[in-house]
Amino acid sequence: MKVYLSYSQSDKEWADRLRTHLDTLEYSGEIDLWDARNVNIEAFTRDEITQALNSAQIVILLLSPDFLSSDLINTELSEILQKLRSKEIKLIPIVINYVTPKLLGEIENYKPININYPLMTLSFEEAEKKLEEATTIVKNIVHGSRKCFISSPFFGKYKEIYFFIKDMLEEFGIMVLGIDESYIYRRKISEVIQNQIRSSDFIIADITGQEPDVMYEVGYSHAFRKPILLLVADQEYTLPTNLSGQLIIAYDPSDLGQLRSSLTVWINRLIDRVKSEAQRV
């Protein structure tokens, strides 16, 4: 799940402290944290803000007078508020330094976790508790979502299919995990993949061409007994013996409408299966 962290450079110390709390979720692959570290500040543009916000499901704002008086951030806030009104994102506002209700404006309606207790007025220990509270809110949002890991080659026609499936899953309210070109590599890629598979409710894997990376991820998913839906862009496919009996959709890359219809049926079945298994536990 993409988390967008917005703050004034004068409040960078607080952003660093919050990141320390979010590290566990980021390391596990459950969140992909986007903030000013991901761009060249001097070349930071509105387009980059829009692109990052369009892929975010959670937005964290570190509120201070410096933050709210920035022209660039005011542009950013207008886009954030628009997405909030259409319920596209979840907002977690945190007050760093005292700001007037007039300056807060519509943000006050979204209940900052410490509206009456700015972090700068608290002791170190009290401020850390508030940052941990914010992290818990992120964790609850993430863990409240069904999660699906998409295993797919990421080149040529496969790239289009990957994003087609990703968009469709998000329409179902399912959190999508998987490694694409937008992912920021900060650790061994194998660890990220393993953590994401372990935290997923089910797996969708495109085994067309039986690419080694995809087959590795399918094998790892089997080891953790994850429900798997296999895709193959070939009506006359041959499955490895170990994969016989698995759920599989043979699709035509030129007919995404048919793929959508088939996926809708199987995604609903996978969700029902996950719910049923959870009730038995």
Protein backbone atom coordinates (compact mmCIF):
# COMPACT_ATOMS: atom_id res chain seq x y z
CA MET A 1 0.00 0.00 0.00
CA LYS A 2 1.42 3.40 -1.00
CA VAL A 3 1.77 5.93 1.83
CA TYR A 4 2.37 9.59 0.95
CA LEU A 5 4.14 11.59 3.68
CA SER A 6 3.99 15.37 3.31
CA TYR A 7 5.85 17.86 5.49
CA SER A 8 7.77 21.13 5.47
CA GLN A 9 11.55 20.84 5.25
CA SER A 10 11.70 22.76 8.54
CA ASP A 11 9.92 19.77 10.13
CA LYS A 12 12.23 17.15 8.62
CA GLU A 13 13.36 15.97 12.06
CA TRP A 14 9.78 14.95 12.86
CA ALA A 15 9.43 13.19 9.52
CA ASP A 16 12.59 11.19 10.32
CA ARG A 17 11.19 10.21 13.72
CA LEU A 18 7.92 9.07 12.16
CA ARG A 19 9.80 7.03 9.53
CA THR A 20 11.52 5.12 12.35
CA HIS A 21 8.09 3.94 13.51
CA LEU A 22 6.97 3.08 9.98
CA ASP A 23 10.15 1.13 9.16
CA THR A 24 8.73 -2.24 10.21
CA LEU A 25 5.74 -1.91 7.86
CA GLU A 26 8.00 -0.73 5.05
CA TYR A 27 10.52 -3.53 5.59
CA SER A 28 7.75 -6.14 5.51
CA GLY A 29 6.65 -4.77 2.13
CA GLU A 30 3.21 -3.85 3.48
CA ILE A 31 3.70 -0.16 2.70
CA ASP A 32 5.72 1.76 0.13
CA LEU A 33 6.51 5.12 1.73
CA TRP A 34 6.82 8.13 -0.59
CA ASP A 35 8.16 11.47 0.62
CA ALA A 36 10.69 14.17 -0.20
CA ARG A 37 13.54 11.62 -0.11
CA ASN A 38 12.20 10.20 -3.36
CA VAL A 39 12.74 13.35 -5.42
CA ASN A 40 15.25 16.07 -6.11
CA ILE A 41 13.86 18.85 -3.89
CA GLU A 42 15.21 21.58 -6.16
CA ALA A 43 13.41 20.07 -9.13
CA PHE A 44 10.26 19.12 -7.25
CA THR A 45 7.27 19.81 -9.49
CA ARG A 46 3.50 19.73 -9.35
CA ASP A 47 3.54 16.81 -11.79
CA GLU A 48 5.58 14.74 -9.34
CA ILE A 49 3.12 15.56 -6.55
CA THR A 50 0.16 14.55 -8.71
CA GLN A 51 1.83 11.32 -9.81
CA ALA A 52 2.67 10.33 -6.24
CA LEU A 53 -0.80 11.22 -4.93
CA ASN A 54 -2.52 9.28 -7.70
CA SER A 55 -0.89 6.06 -6.49
CA ALA A 56 -1.32 6.70 -2.74
CA GLN A 57 -3.96 5.08 -0.54
CA ILE A 58 -2.87 6.77 2.71
CA VAL A 59 -1.69 10.37 3.17
CA ILE A 60 0.10 11.56 6.31
CA LEU A 61 0.38 15.32 6.86
CA LEU A 62 2.78 16.86 9.37
CA LEU A 63 1.03 20.14 10.13
CA SER A 64 2.80 23.34 11.15
CA PRO A 65 2.61 27.04 10.20
CA ASP A 66 5.58 26.54 7.83
CA PHE A 67 3.81 23.62 6.19
CA LEU A 68 0.51 25.43 5.69
CA SER A 69 2.09 28.66 4.41
CA SER A 70 3.96 26.96 1.54
CA ASP A 71 2.57 27.70 -1.94
CA LEU A 72 3.66 24.30 -3.22
CA ILE A 73 2.05 22.49 -0.31
CA ASN A 74 -1.17 24.48 -0.71
CA THR A 75 -1.32 23.16 -4.28
CA GLU A 76 -0.74 19.68 -2.89
CA LEU A 77 -3.45 20.13 -0.23
CA SER A 78 -6.08 21.06 -2.79
CA GLU A 79 -5.46 17.73 -4.56
CA ILE A 80 -5.48 15.83 -1.26
CA LEU A 81 -8.79 17.38 -0.17
CA GLN A 82 -10.33 16.58 -3.54
CA LYS A 83 -9.33 12.92 -3.14
CA LEU A 84 -10.66 12.89 0.41
CA ARG A 85 -14.06 14.15 -0.70
CA SER A 86 -14.25 11.35 -3.26
CA LYS A 87 -13.01 8.85 -0.62
CA GLU A 88 -9.99 7.81 -2.68
CA ILE A 89 -7.53 8.08 0.23
CA LYS A 90 -7.30 7.87 4.00
CA LEU A 91 -5.84 10.92 5.78
CA ILE A 92 -3.76 10.95 8.96
CA PRO A 93 -3.00 14.54 10.04
CA ILE A 94 -0.42 15.08 12.81
CA VAL A 95 0.08 18.53 14.38
CA ILE A 96 3.76 19.43 14.82
CA ASN A 97 3.35 23.01 16.00
CA TYR A 98 0.29 25.02 16.93
CA VAL A 99 -1.82 26.15 13.97
CA THR A 100 -5.01 28.19 14.12
CA PRO A 101 -8.36 26.69 13.06
CA LYS A 102 -8.43 29.28 10.26
CA LEU A 103 -5.09 28.02 8.95
CA LEU A 104 -6.14 24.39 9.29
CA GLY A 105 -9.32 25.01 7.33
CA GLU A 106 -11.03 21.86 6.05
CA ILE A 107 -8.23 19.62 7.39
CA GLU A 108 -9.62 20.11 10.91
CA ASN A 109 -12.68 18.06 9.87
CA TYR A 110 -10.41 15.02 9.49
CA LYS A 111 -9.50 15.00 13.19
CA PRO A 112 -5.72 15.29 13.64
CA ILE A 113 -4.69 12.74 16.26
CA ASN A 114 -3.23 15.46 18.51
CA ILE A 115 -5.21 18.60 17.67
CA ASN A 116 -4.80 20.04 21.17
CA TYR A 117 -1.30 18.69 21.83
CA PRO A 118 1.22 19.67 19.12
CA LEU A 119 4.23 17.35 19.16
CA MET A 120 6.60 20.24 19.88
CA THR A 121 4.83 20.89 23.19
CA LEU A 122 5.17 17.28 24.38
CA SER A 123 8.00 15.46 26.08
CA PHE A 124 10.08 13.10 23.95
CA GLU A 125 8.26 10.06 25.33
CA GLU A 126 4.79 11.58 24.85
CA ALA A 127 5.61 12.63 21.29
CA GLU A 128 6.86 9.11 20.51
CA LYS A 129 3.56 7.69 21.76
CA LYS A 130 1.67 9.95 19.34
CA LEU A 131 3.90 8.88 16.45
CA GLU A 132 3.31 5.25 17.38
CA GLU A 133 -0.44 5.96 17.48
CA ALA A 134 -0.22 7.28 13.91
CA THR A 135 1.69 4.14 12.89
CA THR A 136 -0.99 1.95 14.47
CA ILE A 137 -3.64 3.75 12.39
CA VAL A 138 -1.61 3.00 9.23
CA LYS A 139 -1.23 -0.62 10.32
CA ASN A 140 -4.97 -0.99 10.93
CA ILE A 141 -5.79 0.44 7.49
CA VAL A 142 -3.30 -1.91 5.82
CA HIS A 143 -4.35 -4.99 7.78
CA GLY A 144 -8.03 -4.23 7.24
CA SER A 145 -7.59 -4.73 3.49
CA ARG A 146 -7.55 -7.99 1.59
CA LYS A 147 -4.12 -8.33 0.00
CA CYS A 148 -3.14 -9.94 -3.30
CA PHE A 149 0.40 -10.47 -4.59
CA ILE A 150 0.68 -10.26 -8.39
CA SER A 151 3.50 -12.30 -9.86
CA SER A 152 4.21 -11.41 -13.46
CA PRO A 153 6.99 -10.64 -15.90
CA PHE A 154 7.30 -6.87 -16.20
CA PHE A 155 8.14 -6.18 -19.80
CA GLY A 156 6.33 -5.83 -23.12
CA LYS A 157 2.72 -7.02 -23.17
CA TYR A 158 3.00 -8.38 -19.62
CA LYS A 159 3.34 -4.86 -18.25
CA GLU A 160 -0.06 -3.87 -19.65
CA ILE A 161 -1.65 -7.02 -18.23
CA TYR A 162 -0.05 -6.38 -14.80
CA PHE A 163 -1.56 -2.89 -14.53
CA PHE A 164 -4.90 -4.12 -15.90
CA ILE A 165 -5.11 -6.71 -13.10
CA LYS A 166 -3.82 -4.24 -10.49
CA ASP A 167 -6.48 -1.65 -11.38
CA MET A 168 -9.19 -4.31 -11.34
CA LEU A 169 -8.18 -5.63 -7.91
CA GLU A 170 -8.18 -2.11 -6.48
CA GLU A 171 -11.74 -1.68 -7.77
CA PHE A 172 -12.60 -4.63 -5.51
CA GLY A 173 -10.97 -2.81 -2.60
CA ILE A 174 -8.08 -5.28 -2.58
CA MET A 175 -4.61 -4.05 -1.65
CA VAL A 176 -2.12 -5.02 -4.38
CA LEU A 177 1.37 -6.21 -3.52
CA GLY A 178 4.10 -6.99 -6.01
CA ILE A 179 7.22 -5.49 -7.48
CA ASP A 180 6.85 -3.06 -10.38
CA GLU A 181 9.10 -0.37 -11.84
CA SER A 182 7.83 2.28 -9.42
CA TYR A 183 9.11 0.34 -6.39
CA ILE A 184 11.98 1.96 -4.52
CA TYR A 185 14.63 -0.66 -3.81
CA ARG A 186 16.11 -0.19 -0.35
CA ARG A 187 16.91 -3.81 0.49
CA LYS A 188 17.32 -7.25 -1.08
CA ILE A 189 14.53 -7.75 -3.57
CA SER A 190 14.06 -11.41 -2.53
CA GLU A 191 13.26 -10.33 1.05
CA VAL A 192 10.64 -7.88 -0.18
CA ILE A 193 8.99 -10.54 -2.35
CA GLN A 194 9.00 -13.13 0.42
CA ASN A 195 7.53 -10.71 2.97
CA GLN A 196 4.83 -9.59 0.55
CA ILE A 197 3.82 -13.16 -0.34
CA ARG A 198 3.64 -14.14 3.34
CA SER A 199 1.37 -11.17 4.12
CA SER A 200 -0.93 -11.74 1.12
CA ASP A 201 -4.33 -13.41 1.28
CA PHE A 202 -3.99 -14.86 -2.21
CA ILE A 203 -1.72 -14.81 -5.27
CA ILE A 204 -2.34 -14.16 -8.97
CA ALA A 205 0.52 -15.37 -11.15
CA ASP A 206 0.93 -15.02 -14.91
CA ILE A 207 2.97 -18.11 -15.83
CA THR A 208 2.96 -17.44 -19.57
CA GLY A 209 6.40 -18.49 -20.81
CA GLN A 210 7.13 -19.96 -17.35
CA GLU A 211 9.55 -17.16 -16.51
CA PRO A 212 11.98 -18.27 -13.76
CA ASP A 213 11.17 -15.37 -11.39
CA VAL A 214 7.44 -16.05 -11.63
CA MET A 215 7.87 -19.80 -11.11
CA TYR A 216 10.03 -19.10 -8.05
CA GLU A 217 7.30 -16.88 -6.59
CA VAL A 218 4.63 -19.51 -7.34
CA GLY A 219 6.72 -22.13 -5.55
CA TYR A 220 7.26 -19.85 -2.57
CA SER A 221 3.50 -19.17 -2.43
CA HIS A 222 2.79 -22.91 -2.41
CA ALA A 223 5.20 -23.36 0.49
CA PHE A 224 3.02 -20.98 2.54
CA ARG A 225 -0.20 -22.62 1.32
CA LYS A 226 -1.48 -19.45 -0.32
CA PRO A 227 -4.51 -19.71 -2.65
CA ILE A 228 -3.18 -19.14 -6.17
CA LEU A 229 -4.86 -18.22 -9.43
CA LEU A 230 -2.66 -18.94 -12.46
CA LEU A 231 -2.95 -17.01 -15.72
CA VAL A 232 -1.55 -18.09 -19.07
CA ALA A 233 -1.80 -16.28 -22.42
CA ASP A 234 -2.12 -19.50 -24.41
CA GLN A 235 -5.18 -21.62 -25.04
CA GLU A 236 -3.02 -24.72 -25.60
CA TYR A 237 -0.84 -24.48 -22.53
CA THR A 238 1.04 -27.28 -20.79
CA LEU A 239 1.36 -27.05 -17.03
CA PRO A 240 4.27 -28.45 -15.03
CA THR A 241 3.13 -31.58 -13.20
CA ASN A 242 3.43 -29.90 -9.80
CA LEU A 243 0.89 -27.25 -10.85
CA SER A 244 -1.77 -29.59 -12.19
CA GLY A 245 -5.13 -29.11 -10.51
CA GLN A 246 -4.57 -25.40 -9.78
CA LEU A 247 -7.07 -22.67 -10.59
CA ILE A 248 -6.13 -21.37 -14.03
CA ILE A 249 -7.40 -18.88 -16.59
CA ALA A 250 -6.22 -19.14 -20.18
CA TYR A 251 -6.66 -15.68 -21.70
CA ASP A 252 -6.24 -13.81 -24.96
CA PRO A 253 -4.09 -10.65 -24.46
CA SER A 254 -6.10 -8.95 -27.20
CA ASP A 255 -9.42 -9.50 -25.38
CA LEU A 256 -9.12 -7.85 -21.96
CA GLY A 257 -12.90 -7.73 -21.64
CA GLN A 258 -13.03 -11.52 -21.49
CA LEU A 259 -10.13 -11.57 -19.04
CA ARG A 260 -12.04 -9.11 -16.81
CA SER A 261 -15.11 -11.35 -16.84
CA SER A 262 -13.10 -14.44 -15.94
CA LEU A 263 -11.11 -12.64 -13.24
CA THR A 264 -14.29 -11.26 -11.66
CA VAL A 265 -15.63 -14.79 -11.13
CA TRP A 266 -12.37 -16.15 -9.74
CA ILE A 267 -11.54 -13.16 -7.54
CA ASN A 268 -14.94 -13.45 -5.86
CA ARG A 269 -14.31 -17.17 -5.32
CA LEU A 270 -10.86 -16.51 -3.86
CA ILE A 271 -12.25 -13.86 -1.50
CA ASP A 272 -14.98 -16.28 -0.36
CA ARG A 273 -12.34 -18.98 0.16
CA VAL A 274 -10.15 -16.65 2.25
CA LYS A 275 -13.17 -15.62 4.36
CA SER A 276 -14.19 -19.25 4.86
CA GLU A 277 -10.69 -20.27 5.96
CA ALA A 278 -10.51 -17.30 8.34
CA GLN A 279 -13.80 -18.35 9.99
CA ARG A 280 -12.46 -21.86 10.58
CA VAL A 281 -9.39 -20.55 12.40
